[in-house]
PDB file of N, CA and C in Angstrom:
ATOM      1  N   MET A   1      12.204  -6.196  -7.333  1.00  0.00           N
ATOM      2  CA  MET A   1      10.884  -6.634  -7.916  1.00  0.00           C
ATOM      3  C   MET A   1      10.005  -6.034  -8.607  1.00  0.00           C
ATOM      4  N   ALA A   2      10.024  -4.668  -8.602  1.00  0.00           N
ATOM      5  CA  ALA A   2       9.456  -3.551  -9.565  1.00  0.00           C
ATOM      6  C   ALA A   2      10.171  -4.446 -10.693  1.00  0.00           C
ATOM      7  N   ASN A   3      10.760  -4.599 -11.549  1.00  0.00           N
ATOM      8  CA  ASN A   3      11.548  -5.317 -12.718  1.00  0.00           C
ATOM      9  C   ASN A   3      10.851  -7.006 -12.830  1.00  0.00           C
ATOM     10  N   ASN A   4      10.514  -7.295 -11.552  1.00  0.00           N
ATOM     11  CA  ASN A   4       9.633  -8.605 -11.755  1.00  0.00           C
ATOM     12  C   ASN A   4       7.877  -8.092 -11.961  1.00  0.00           C
ATOM     13  N   THR A   5       7.255  -7.546 -11.364  1.00  0.00           N
ATOM     14  CA  THR A   5       6.010  -6.334 -11.534  1.00  0.00           C
ATOM     15  C   THR A   5       6.087  -6.108 -13.195  1.00  0.00           C
ATOM     16  N   ILE A   6       6.911  -5.650 -13.267  1.00  0.00           N
ATOM     17  CA  ILE A   6       6.555  -5.141 -15.112  1.00  0.00           C
ATOM     18  C   ILE A   6       6.398  -6.187 -15.931  1.00  0.00           C
ATOM     19  N   SER A   7       7.849  -7.161 -15.813  1.00  0.00           N
ATOM     20  CA  SER A   7       7.724  -8.464 -16.727  1.00  0.00           C
ATOM     21  C   SER A   7       6.709  -9.098 -16.831  1.00  0.00           C
ATOM     22  N   LEU A   8       5.730  -8.920 -15.514  1.00  0.00           N
ATOM     23  CA  LEU A   8       4.661  -9.492 -15.491  1.00  0.00           C
ATOM     24  C   LEU A   8       3.610  -9.116 -16.009  1.00  0.00           C
ATOM     25  N   ARG A   9       3.229  -8.127 -15.604  1.00  0.00           N
ATOM     26  CA  ARG A   9       2.691  -7.222 -16.236  1.00  0.00           C
ATOM     27  C   ARG A   9       2.647  -7.398 -17.591  1.00  0.00           C
ATOM     28  N   SER A  10       3.735  -7.880 -18.180  1.00  0.00           N
ATOM     29  CA  SER A  10       4.169  -7.780 -20.020  1.00  0.00           C
ATOM     30  C   SER A  10       3.009  -8.598 -20.216  1.00  0.00           C
ATOM     31  N   LEU A  11       2.869  -9.889 -19.448  1.00  0.00           N
ATOM     32  CA  LEU A  11       1.758 -10.594 -19.628  1.00  0.00           C
ATOM     33  C   LEU A  11       0.826 -10.421 -20.216  1.00  0.00           C
ATOM     34  N   LEU A  12       0.024  -9.600 -18.900  1.00  0.00           N
ATOM     35  CA  LEU A  12      -1.919  -9.316 -19.280  1.00  0.00           C
ATOM     36  C   LEU A  12      -1.501  -8.104 -20.766  1.00  0.00           C
ATOM     37  N   GLU A  13      -0.225  -7.392 -20.944  1.00  0.00           N
ATOM     38  CA  GLU A  13       0.068  -6.924 -22.230  1.00  0.00           C
ATOM     39  C   GLU A  13      -0.290  -7.799 -23.403  1.00  0.00           C
ATOM     40  N   LYS A  14       0.452  -8.864 -23.229  1.00  0.00           N
ATOM     41  CA  LYS A  14       0.844  -9.561 -24.769  1.00  0.00           C
ATOM     42  C   LYS A  14      -0.502 -10.685 -25.004  1.00  0.00           C
ATOM     43  N   GLU A  15      -1.082 -10.956 -24.043  1.00  0.00           N
ATOM     44  CA  GLU A  15      -2.253 -11.752 -24.191  1.00  0.00           C
ATOM     45  C   GLU A  15      -3.857 -10.845 -23.927  1.00  0.00           C
ATOM     46  N   LYS A  16      -3.757 -10.189 -24.477  1.00  0.00           N
ATOM     47  CA  LYS A  16      -5.303  -9.355 -24.398  1.00  0.00           C
ATOM     48  C   LYS A  16      -6.521 -10.022 -24.181  1.00  0.00           C
ATOM     49  N   LEU A  17      -6.805 -10.096 -23.618  1.00  0.00           N
ATOM     50  CA  LEU A  17      -8.864 -10.163 -23.039  1.00  0.00           C
ATOM     51  C   LEU A  17      -9.824 -10.448 -24.653  1.00  0.00           C
ATOM     52  N   ASN A  18      -9.910 -11.467 -25.288  1.00  0.00           N
ATOM     53  CA  ASN A  18     -10.944 -11.425 -26.798  1.00  0.00           C
ATOM     54  C   ASN A  18     -11.594 -12.090 -26.970  1.00  0.00           C
ATOM     55  N   GLY A  19     -11.598 -12.911 -25.431  1.00  0.00           N
ATOM     56  CA  GLY A  19     -13.289 -13.324 -25.787  1.00  0.00           C
ATOM     57  C   GLY A  19     -13.386 -15.034 -25.916  1.00  0.00           C
ATOM     58  N   ILE A  20     -12.560 -15.095 -25.912  1.00  0.00           N
ATOM     59  CA  ILE A  20     -11.814 -16.884 -26.233  1.00  0.00           C
ATOM     60  C   ILE A  20     -10.505 -17.432 -25.960  1.00  0.00           C
ATOM     61  N   ASN A  21     -10.286 -16.405 -25.094  1.00  0.00           N
ATOM     62  CA  ASN A  21      -8.653 -16.830 -24.471  1.00  0.00           C
ATOM     63  C   ASN A  21      -8.953 -16.045 -22.584  1.00  0.00           C
ATOM     64  N   PHE A  22     -10.111 -16.564 -22.379  1.00  0.00           N
ATOM     65  CA  PHE A  22     -10.730 -16.004 -21.283  1.00  0.00           C
ATOM     66  C   PHE A  22      -9.870 -16.995 -19.843  1.00  0.00           C
ATOM     67  N   HIS A  23      -9.553 -18.233 -19.642  1.00  0.00           N
ATOM     68  CA  HIS A  23      -8.908 -18.961 -18.819  1.00  0.00           C
ATOM     69  C   HIS A  23      -7.497 -18.630 -19.223  1.00  0.00           C
ATOM     70  N   ASP A  24      -6.817 -18.165 -19.887  1.00  0.00           N
ATOM     71  CA  ASP A  24      -5.513 -18.248 -19.780  1.00  0.00           C
ATOM     72  C   ASP A  24      -5.138 -16.959 -19.535  1.00  0.00           C
ATOM     73  N   TRP A  25      -6.147 -15.942 -19.790  1.00  0.00           N
ATOM     74  CA  TRP A  25      -5.774 -14.194 -19.483  1.00  0.00           C
ATOM     75  C   TRP A  25      -6.127 -14.550 -18.201  1.00  0.00           C
ATOM     76  N   PHE A  26      -7.396 -15.584 -17.605  1.00  0.00           N
ATOM     77  CA  PHE A  26      -7.465 -15.305 -15.973  1.00  0.00           C
ATOM     78  C   PHE A  26      -5.986 -15.813 -15.170  1.00  0.00           C
ATOM     79  N   ARG A  27      -5.124 -16.777 -15.639  1.00  0.00           N
ATOM     80  CA  ARG A  27      -4.236 -17.494 -14.893  1.00  0.00           C
ATOM     81  C   ARG A  27      -3.805 -16.679 -14.819  1.00  0.00           C
ATOM     82  N   ASN A  28      -3.609 -15.837 -15.969  1.00  0.00           N
ATOM     83  CA  ASN A  28      -1.779 -14.798 -15.867  1.00  0.00           C
ATOM     84  C   ASN A  28      -2.173 -13.390 -14.954  1.00  0.00           C
ATOM     85  N   LEU A  29      -3.535 -13.023 -15.400  1.00  0.00           N
ATOM     86  CA  LEU A  29      -3.995 -12.151 -14.295  1.00  0.00           C
ATOM     87  C   LEU A  29      -3.456 -12.493 -12.299  1.00  0.00           C
ATOM     88  N   ARG A  30      -4.202 -13.984 -12.312  1.00  0.00           N
ATOM     89  CA  ARG A  30      -3.818 -13.923 -11.049  1.00  0.00           C
ATOM     90  C   ARG A  30      -2.322 -14.175 -10.833  1.00  0.00           C
ATOM     91  N   ILE A  31      -1.412 -14.954 -11.588  1.00  0.00           N
ATOM     92  CA  ILE A  31      -0.154 -14.676 -11.561  1.00  0.00           C
ATOM     93  C   ILE A  31       0.215 -13.236 -11.019  1.00  0.00           C
ATOM     94  N   VAL A  32      -0.132 -12.273 -12.057  1.00  0.00           N
ATOM     95  CA  VAL A  32       0.501 -10.808 -11.683  1.00  0.00           C
ATOM     96  C   VAL A  32      -0.326 -10.567 -10.373  1.00  0.00           C
ATOM     97  N   LEU A  33      -1.087 -10.820  -9.776  1.00  0.00           N
ATOM     98  CA  LEU A  33      -1.931 -10.467  -9.270  1.00  0.00           C
ATOM     99  C   LEU A  33      -1.430 -10.981  -7.392  1.00  0.00           C
ATOM    100  N   LYS A  34      -0.880 -12.000  -7.645  1.00  0.00           N
ATOM    101  CA  LYS A  34      -0.085 -13.016  -6.376  1.00  0.00           C
ATOM    102  C   LYS A  34       1.063 -12.106  -6.814  1.00  0.00           C
ATOM    103  N   GLN A  35       2.128 -11.866  -7.460  1.00  0.00           N
ATOM    104  CA  GLN A  35       2.887 -11.183  -6.674  1.00  0.00           C
ATOM    105  C   GLN A  35       3.170 -10.273  -6.463  1.00  0.00           C
ATOM    106  N   GLU A  36       2.114  -9.308  -7.003  1.00  0.00           N
ATOM    107  CA  GLU A  36       1.902  -7.825  -6.452  1.00  0.00           C
ATOM    108  C   GLU A  36       0.915  -8.089  -4.929  1.00  0.00           C
ATOM    109  N   ARG A  37       0.798  -8.855  -4.659  1.00  0.00           N
ATOM    110  CA  ARG A  37      -0.104  -9.507  -3.518  1.00  0.00           C
ATOM    111  C   ARG A  37      -1.039  -8.901  -3.438  1.00  0.00           C
ATOM    112  N   LYS A  38      -2.008  -8.659  -4.257  1.00  0.00           N
ATOM    113  CA  LYS A  38      -3.437  -7.704  -4.613  1.00  0.00           C
ATOM    114  C   LYS A  38      -4.317  -8.938  -4.906  1.00  0.00           C
ATOM    115  N   GLU A  39      -4.132 -10.110  -4.889  1.00  0.00           N
ATOM    116  CA  GLU A  39      -4.972 -11.411  -5.291  1.00  0.00           C
ATOM    117  C   GLU A  39      -6.650 -11.835  -4.865  1.00  0.00           C
ATOM    118  N   TYR A  40      -6.137 -10.639  -3.370  1.00  0.00           N
ATOM    119  CA  TYR A  40      -7.735 -10.178  -2.936  1.00  0.00           C
ATOM    120  C   TYR A  40      -8.470  -9.905  -3.692  1.00  0.00           C
ATOM    121  N   VAL A  41      -8.217  -8.812  -4.313  1.00  0.00           N
ATOM    122  CA  VAL A  41      -8.918  -8.005  -5.515  1.00  0.00           C
ATOM    123  C   VAL A  41     -10.292  -9.094  -6.040  1.00  0.00           C
ATOM    124  N   ILE A  42      -9.759  -9.901  -6.491  1.00  0.00           N
ATOM    125  CA  ILE A  42     -10.503 -10.837  -6.846  1.00  0.00           C
ATOM    126  C   ILE A  42     -11.492 -12.176  -6.499  1.00  0.00           C
ATOM    127  N   GLU A  43     -10.782 -11.957  -5.567  1.00  0.00           N
ATOM    128  CA  GLU A  43     -11.415 -13.546  -4.130  1.00  0.00           C
ATOM    129  C   GLU A  43     -11.975 -12.180  -3.491  1.00  0.00           C
ATOM    130  N   GLU A  44     -11.989 -11.340  -3.392  1.00  0.00           N
ATOM    131  CA  GLU A  44     -13.216 -10.780  -2.079  1.00  0.00           C
ATOM    132  C   GLU A  44     -13.694  -9.734  -2.649  1.00  0.00           C
ATOM    133  N   ALA A  45     -15.275  -9.758  -2.127  1.00  0.00           N
ATOM    134  CA  ALA A  45     -16.175  -8.655  -2.522  1.00  0.00           C
ATOM    135  C   ALA A  45     -15.852  -7.581  -1.916  1.00  0.00           C
ATOM    136  N   VAL A  46     -15.861  -6.240  -2.637  1.00  0.00           N
ATOM    137  CA  VAL A  46     -15.598  -5.166  -1.816  1.00  0.00           C
ATOM    138  C   VAL A  46     -16.959  -4.659  -0.261  1.00  0.00           C
ATOM    139  N   PRO A  47     -16.347  -4.437   0.415  1.00  0.00           N
ATOM    140  CA  PRO A  47     -17.316  -4.300   1.752  1.00  0.00           C
ATOM    141  C   PRO A  47     -18.174  -3.069   1.392  1.00  0.00           C
ATOM    142  N   ASN A  48     -19.547  -2.786   2.008  1.00  0.00           N
ATOM    143  CA  ASN A  48     -19.660  -1.589   2.256  1.00  0.00           C
ATOM    144  C   ASN A  48     -18.990  -0.617   3.181  1.00  0.00           C
ATOM    145  N   ASN A  49     -18.970   0.347   2.718  1.00  0.00           N
ATOM    146  CA  ASN A  49     -17.730   1.122   3.367  1.00  0.00           C
ATOM    147  C   ASN A  49     -18.465   1.428   5.420  1.00  0.00           C
ATOM    148  N   PRO A  50     -17.820   0.875   6.212  1.00  0.00           N
ATOM    149  CA  PRO A  50     -18.501   0.736   7.480  1.00  0.00           C
ATOM    150  C   PRO A  50     -19.078   1.784   8.400  1.00  0.00           C
ATOM    151  N   GLY A  51     -19.564   2.122   9.143  1.00  0.00           N
ATOM    152  CA  GLY A  51     -19.687   3.160   9.561  1.00  0.00           C
ATOM    153  C   GLY A  51     -18.985   3.352  10.689  1.00  0.00           C
ATOM    154  N   PRO A  52     -19.571   5.535  11.280  1.00  0.00           N
ATOM    155  CA  PRO A  52     -18.479   5.097  12.422  1.00  0.00           C
ATOM    156  C   PRO A  52     -18.500   4.217  13.553  1.00  0.00           C
ATOM    157  N   ASN A  53     -19.114   3.660  14.183  1.00  0.00           N
ATOM    158  CA  ASN A  53     -19.380   2.893  15.290  1.00  0.00           C
ATOM    159  C   ASN A  53     -18.484   1.700  14.846  1.00  0.00           C
ATOM    160  N   ALA A  54     -18.389   1.061  13.717  1.00  0.00           N
ATOM    161  CA  ALA A  54     -17.875  -0.347  13.113  1.00  0.00           C
ATOM    162  C   ALA A  54     -16.462  -0.663  13.674  1.00  0.00           C
ATOM    163  N   PRO A  55     -16.809  -2.438  14.338  1.00  0.00           N
ATOM    164  CA  PRO A  55     -15.307  -2.509  14.413  1.00  0.00           C
ATOM    165  C   PRO A  55     -14.095  -2.258  13.844  1.00  0.00           C
ATOM    166  N   ARG A  56     -12.964  -1.514  14.898  1.00  0.00           N
ATOM    167  CA  ARG A  56     -11.251  -1.298  13.722  1.00  0.00           C
ATOM    168  C   ARG A  56     -11.436  -2.408  12.460  1.00  0.00           C
ATOM    169  N   ALA A  57     -11.362  -3.381  12.924  1.00  0.00           N
ATOM    170  CA  ALA A  57     -11.230  -4.650  11.765  1.00  0.00           C
ATOM    171  C   ALA A  57     -12.276  -4.184  10.331  1.00  0.00           C
ATOM    172  N   ASP A  58     -13.094  -4.149  10.758  1.00  0.00           N
ATOM    173  CA  ASP A  58     -13.706  -3.708   9.120  1.00  0.00           C
ATOM    174  C   ASP A  58     -13.270  -2.357   8.625  1.00  0.00           C
ATOM    175  N   LYS A  59     -13.109  -1.569  10.027  1.00  0.00           N
ATOM    176  CA  LYS A  59     -12.667  -0.700   8.794  1.00  0.00           C
ATOM    177  C   LYS A  59     -11.242  -0.688   8.160  1.00  0.00           C
ATOM    178  N   ASP A  60     -10.425  -1.150   8.456  1.00  0.00           N
ATOM    179  CA  ASP A  60      -9.266  -0.817   8.412  1.00  0.00           C
ATOM    180  C   ASP A  60      -9.021  -2.449   6.777  1.00  0.00           C
ATOM    181  N   LYS A  61      -9.746  -3.402   7.091  1.00  0.00           N
ATOM    182  CA  LYS A  61     -10.496  -3.666   5.859  1.00  0.00           C
ATOM    183  C   LYS A  61     -10.587  -3.444   4.447  1.00  0.00           C
ATOM    184  N   PHE A  62     -11.196  -2.540   4.717  1.00  0.00           N
ATOM    185  CA  PHE A  62     -12.142  -1.441   3.951  1.00  0.00           C
ATOM    186  C   PHE A  62     -11.224  -0.514   3.595  1.00  0.00           C
ATOM    187  N   LYS A  63     -10.144  -0.436   3.930  1.00  0.00           N
ATOM    188  CA  LYS A  63      -9.335   0.843   4.136  1.00  0.00           C
ATOM    189  C   LYS A  63      -8.581  -0.242   3.132  1.00  0.00           C
ATOM    190  N   LYS A  64      -7.907  -1.525   3.404  1.00  0.00           N
ATOM    191  CA  LYS A  64      -7.221  -2.191   2.248  1.00  0.00           C
ATOM    192  C   LYS A  64      -7.912  -2.171   0.938  1.00  0.00           C
ATOM    193  N   LEU A  65      -9.063  -2.648   1.057  1.00  0.00           N
ATOM    194  CA  LEU A  65      -9.906  -2.803  -0.308  1.00  0.00           C
ATOM    195  C   LEU A  65      -9.834  -1.887  -0.692  1.00  0.00           C
ATOM    196  N   LYS A  66      -9.874  -0.479  -0.904  1.00  0.00           N
ATOM    197  CA  LYS A  66     -10.439   0.929  -1.302  1.00  0.00           C
ATOM    198  C   LYS A  66      -8.705   1.439  -1.724  1.00  0.00           C
ATOM    199  N   GLY A  67      -7.466   0.518  -0.847  1.00  0.00           N
ATOM    200  CA  GLY A  67      -6.174   1.374  -1.434  1.00  0.00           C
ATOM    201  C   GLY A  67      -5.685   1.734  -0.500  1.00  0.00           C
ATOM    202  N   GLY A  68      -5.872   1.699   0.725  1.00  0.00           N
ATOM    203  CA  GLY A  68      -5.522   2.773   1.848  1.00  0.00           C
ATOM    204  C   GLY A  68      -4.088   2.170   2.036  1.00  0.00           C
ATOM    205  N   VAL A  69      -3.585   2.670   3.561  1.00  0.00           N
ATOM    206  CA  VAL A  69      -2.299   1.941   3.455  1.00  0.00           C
ATOM    207  C   VAL A  69      -2.132   0.632   3.723  1.00  0.00           C
ATOM    208  N   SER A  70      -0.820   0.286   2.654  1.00  0.00           N
ATOM    209  CA  SER A  70      -0.546  -1.268   2.669  1.00  0.00           C
ATOM    210  C   SER A  70       0.064  -1.839   3.958  1.00  0.00           C
ATOM    211  N   LYS A  71      -0.246  -2.835   3.722  1.00  0.00           N
ATOM    212  CA  LYS A  71      -0.053  -3.307   5.462  1.00  0.00           C
ATOM    213  C   LYS A  71       1.779  -3.947   5.404  1.00  0.00           C
ATOM    214  N   TYR A  72       2.335  -3.770   3.877  1.00  0.00           N
ATOM    215  CA  TYR A  72       3.398  -4.369   2.917  1.00  0.00           C
ATOM    216  C   TYR A  72       4.254  -2.874   2.917  1.00  0.00           C
ATOM    217  N   GLY A  73       3.882  -2.029   2.917  1.00  0.00           N
ATOM    218  CA  GLY A  73       4.395  -0.445   2.418  1.00  0.00           C
ATOM    219  C   GLY A  73       5.164  -0.317   3.776  1.00  0.00           C
ATOM    220  N   LYS A  74       6.266   1.067   3.670  1.00  0.00           N
ATOM    221  CA  LYS A  74       7.285   1.318   4.411  1.00  0.00           C
ATOM    222  C   LYS A  74       6.701   2.567   4.397  1.00  0.00           C
ATOM    223  N   CYS A  75       6.600   3.091   5.877  1.00  0.00           N
ATOM    224  CA  CYS A  75       7.335   5.023   6.468  1.00  0.00           C
ATOM    225  C   CYS A  75       7.996   5.451   5.991  1.00  0.00           C
ATOM    226  N   PHE A  76       8.303   6.582   5.177  1.00  0.00           N
ATOM    227  CA  PHE A  76       9.036   7.337   4.672  1.00  0.00           C
ATOM    228  C   PHE A  76      10.012   7.616   5.576  1.00  0.00           C
ATOM    229  N   HIS A  77       9.914   8.259   6.551  1.00  0.00           N
ATOM    230  CA  HIS A  77      10.516   8.310   7.838  1.00  0.00           C
ATOM    231  C   HIS A  77      11.126   7.756   8.725  1.00  0.00           C
ATOM    232  N   CYS A  78      10.423   6.248   9.484  1.00  0.00           N
ATOM    233  CA  CYS A  78      11.283   5.889   9.946  1.00  0.00           C
ATOM    234  C   CYS A  78      11.567   4.606   9.901  1.00  0.00           C
ATOM    235  N   GLY A  79      11.061   4.007   8.343  1.00  0.00           N
ATOM    236  CA  GLY A  79      10.643   2.318   7.938  1.00  0.00           C
ATOM    237  C   GLY A  79       9.854   1.443   7.926  1.00  0.00           C
ATOM    238  N   LYS A  80       9.702   2.092   9.151  1.00  0.00           N
ATOM    239  CA  LYS A  80       8.379   0.865   9.682  1.00  0.00           C
ATOM    240  C   LYS A  80       7.375   0.373   8.743  1.00  0.00           C
ATOM    241  N   THR A  81       6.233  -0.493   8.724  1.00  0.00           N
ATOM    242  CA  THR A  81       5.397  -1.018   7.407  1.00  0.00           C
ATOM    243  C   THR A  81       4.314  -0.346   8.739  1.00  0.00           C
ATOM    244  N   GLY A  82       3.393  -0.402   7.856  1.00  0.00           N
ATOM    245  CA  GLY A  82       2.031  -0.729   7.988  1.00  0.00           C
ATOM    246  C   GLY A  82       1.636   0.827   8.441  1.00  0.00           C
ATOM    247  N   HIS A  83       1.824   2.381   8.440  1.00  0.00           N
ATOM    248  CA  HIS A  83       1.497   3.613   8.381  1.00  0.00           C
ATOM    249  C   HIS A  83       2.094   4.892   7.381  1.00  0.00           C
ATOM    250  N   TRP A  84       2.001   5.608   7.038  1.00  0.00           N
ATOM    251  CA  TRP A  84       2.383   6.757   6.111  1.00  0.00           C
ATOM    252  C   TRP A  84       3.354   7.326   6.684  1.00  0.00           C
ATOM    253  N   LYS A  85       4.074   8.642   6.543  1.00  0.00           N
ATOM    254  CA  LYS A  85       4.731   9.185   6.971  1.00  0.00           C
ATOM    255  C   LYS A  85       4.074  10.561   8.030  1.00  0.00           C
ATOM    256  N   ARG A  86       3.002  11.006   7.094  1.00  0.00           N
ATOM    257  CA  ARG A  86       1.757  11.767   7.872  1.00  0.00           C
ATOM    258  C   ARG A  86       1.283  11.516   9.328  1.00  0.00           C
ATOM    259  N   ASN A  87       1.605   9.858   9.316  1.00  0.00           N
ATOM    260  CA  ASN A  87       0.810   9.269  10.436  1.00  0.00           C
ATOM    261  C   ASN A  87       1.988   8.510  11.022  1.00  0.00           C
ATOM    262  N   CYS A  88       3.595   8.625  11.007  1.00  0.00           N
ATOM    263  CA  CYS A  88       3.829   8.494  11.795  1.00  0.00           C
ATOM    264  C   CYS A  88       4.751   8.886  13.139  1.00  0.00           C
ATOM    265  N   PRO A  89       4.590   8.313  14.358  1.00  0.00           N
ATOM    266  CA  PRO A  89       4.327   8.654  15.224  1.00  0.00           C
ATOM    267  C   PRO A  89       6.179   9.646  15.557  1.00  0.00           C
ATOM    268  N   ILE A  90       7.058   8.761  15.621  1.00  0.00           N
ATOM    269  CA  ILE A  90       8.168   9.212  15.903  1.00  0.00           C
ATOM    270  C   ILE A  90       7.879  11.265  14.919  1.00  0.00           C
ATOM    271  N   TYR A  91       7.851  10.415  13.872  1.00  0.00           N
ATOM    272  CA  TYR A  91       7.490  12.171  12.938  1.00  0.00           C
ATOM    273  C   TYR A  91       6.658  13.104  13.466  1.00  0.00           C
ATOM    274  N   LEU A  92       5.669  12.927  14.004  1.00  0.00           N
ATOM    275  CA  LEU A  92       4.869  13.827  14.527  1.00  0.00           C
ATOM    276  C   LEU A  92       5.452  14.276  16.169  1.00  0.00           C
ATOM    277  N   GLU A  93       6.078  13.693  16.855  1.00  0.00           N
ATOM    278  CA  GLU A  93       6.993  14.063  17.756  1.00  0.00           C
ATOM    279  C   GLU A  93       7.876  14.742  17.248  1.00  0.00           C
ATOM    280  N   ASP A  94       8.355  14.904  16.475  1.00  0.00           N
ATOM    281  CA  ASP A  94       9.420  15.453  15.836  1.00  0.00           C
ATOM    282  C   ASP A  94       9.437  17.103  15.361  1.00  0.00           C
ATOM    283  N   VAL A  95       7.888  17.063  14.604  1.00  0.00           N
ATOM    284  CA  VAL A  95       6.924  17.855  14.135  1.00  0.00           C
ATOM    285  C   VAL A  95       6.566  18.554  15.160  1.00  0.00           C
ATOM    286  N   LYS A  96       5.845  18.149  16.571  1.00  0.00           N
ATOM    287  CA  LYS A  96       6.336  18.808  17.962  1.00  0.00           C
ATOM    288  C   LYS A  96       6.421  19.329  18.260  1.00  0.00           C
ATOM    289  N   LYS A  97       8.060  18.632  18.373  1.00  0.00           N
ATOM    290  CA  LYS A  97       9.059  19.422  19.092  1.00  0.00           C
ATOM    291  C   LYS A  97       9.899  20.786  18.555  1.00  0.00           C
ATOM    292  N   ALA A  98       9.816  20.554  16.975  1.00  0.00           N
ATOM    293  CA  ALA A  98      10.114  22.294  16.168  1.00  0.00           C
ATOM    294  C   ALA A  98       9.736  22.701  16.102  1.00  0.00           C
ATOM    295  N   LYS A  99       8.108  22.396  15.902  1.00  0.00           N
ATOM    296  CA  LYS A  99       8.013  23.801  16.371  1.00  0.00           C
ATOM    297  C   LYS A  99       7.657  24.677  17.561  1.00  0.00           C
ATOM    298  N   ALA A 100       8.081  23.758  18.611  1.00  0.00           N
ATOM    299  CA  ALA A 100       8.198  24.326  19.815  1.00  0.00           C
ATOM    300  C   ALA A 100       9.181  25.089  19.920  1.00  0.00           C
ATOM    301  N   VAL A 101      10.741  24.686  18.886  1.00  0.00           N
ATOM    302  CA  VAL A 101      11.397  25.513  18.984  1.00  0.00           C
ATOM    303  C   VAL A 101      11.997  26.584  17.550  1.00  0.00           C
ATOM    304  N   GLY A 102      10.839  26.403  16.867  1.00  0.00           N
ATOM    305  CA  GLY A 102      10.645  27.086  16.071  1.00  0.00           C
ATOM    306  C   GLY A 102      11.684  26.906  14.679  1.00  0.00           C
ATOM    307  N   ALA A 103      11.829  25.415  14.501  1.00  0.00           N
ATOM    308  CA  ALA A 103      12.732  24.772  13.317  1.00  0.00           C
ATOM    309  C   ALA A 103      11.174  24.176  12.523  1.00  0.00           C
ATOM    310  N   SER A 104      11.932  23.402  11.498  1.00  0.00           N
ATOM    311  CA  SER A 104      10.686  22.886   9.956  1.00  0.00           C
ATOM    312  C   SER A 104      11.857  21.377  10.041  1.00  0.00           C
ATOM    313  N   VAL A 105      10.491  20.629  10.129  1.00  0.00           N
ATOM    314  CA  VAL A 105      11.017  19.396   9.965  1.00  0.00           C
ATOM    315  C   VAL A 105      11.281  18.759   8.443  1.00  0.00           C
ATOM    316  N   SER A 106      11.812  18.359   7.937  1.00  0.00           N
ATOM    317  CA  SER A 106      11.842  17.114   6.355  1.00  0.00           C
ATOM    318  C   SER A 106      12.658  16.296   6.270  1.00  0.00           C
ATOM    319  N   GLY A 107      13.470  16.091   6.684  1.00  0.00           N
ATOM    320  CA  GLY A 107      14.473  14.996   6.838  1.00  0.00           C
ATOM    321  C   GLY A 107      13.860  14.019   7.288  1.00  0.00           C
ATOM    322  N   THR A 108      14.537  12.736   7.006  1.00  0.00           N
ATOM    323  CA  THR A 108      14.058  11.293   7.964  1.00  0.00           C
ATOM    324  C   THR A 108      15.196  10.931   8.618  1.00  0.00           C
ATOM    325  N   ALA A 109      14.753   9.515  10.182  1.00  0.00           N
ATOM    326  CA  ALA A 109      15.493   9.335  10.905  1.00  0.00           C
ATOM    327  C   ALA A 109      16.889   9.094  10.704  1.00  0.00           C
ATOM    328  N   HIS A 110      16.915   8.801   9.677  1.00  0.00           N
ATOM    329  CA  HIS A 110      18.547   8.019   9.473  1.00  0.00           C
ATOM    330  C   HIS A 110      19.039   9.223   9.090  1.00  0.00           C
ATOM    331  N   GLU A 111      18.902  10.231   7.719  1.00  0.00           N
ATOM    332  CA  GLU A 111      19.787  11.527   7.764  1.00  0.00           C
ATOM    333  C   GLU A 111      20.092  12.541   9.309  1.00  0.00           C
ATOM    334  N   LYS A 112      19.245  12.186  10.060  1.00  0.00           N
ATOM    335  CA  LYS A 112      19.413  13.146  11.652  1.00  0.00           C
ATOM    336  C   LYS A 112      20.477  12.223  12.671  1.00  0.00           C
ATOM    337  N   ASP A 113      20.582  11.096  12.063  1.00  0.00           N
ATOM    338  CA  ASP A 113      20.967   9.982  12.850  1.00  0.00           C
ATOM    339  C   ASP A 113      22.582   9.703  12.372  1.00  0.00           C
ATOM    340  N   SER A 114      22.880  10.300  10.778  1.00  0.00           N
ATOM    341  CA  SER A 114      23.996  10.346  10.320  1.00  0.00           C
ATOM    342  C   SER A 114      24.556  12.193  11.118  1.00  0.00           C
ATOM    343  N   SER A 115      24.191  13.180  11.062  1.00  0.00           N
ATOM    344  CA  SER A 115      24.731  14.354  11.176  1.00  0.00           C
ATOM    345  C   SER A 115      25.095  14.454  12.817  1.00  0.00           C
TER     346      SER A 115
END
């Protein structure tokens, strides 16, 4: 998928916006953003920063639009989508156990299974 993204991005490099080609350029932009699952960038307005008492859905939407955790990305520790390693419940539990024993945790769950 990375090669697809690079080749699609070359569309935008070849066809730079020059004022008279807006429709072609915008069509290419939509193709690239759709491939990268970021089409929302041109379809939705960025909401105001939600306050501390805002509903969770509003906070999540704001985080997504501002470049927070991607729902398509995977955790480098457990491989599940929706969180980063630093927020991974399995990793945090391993760190907690390691601190109790006095060891350090740096590997992934897969590395621990194979040893």
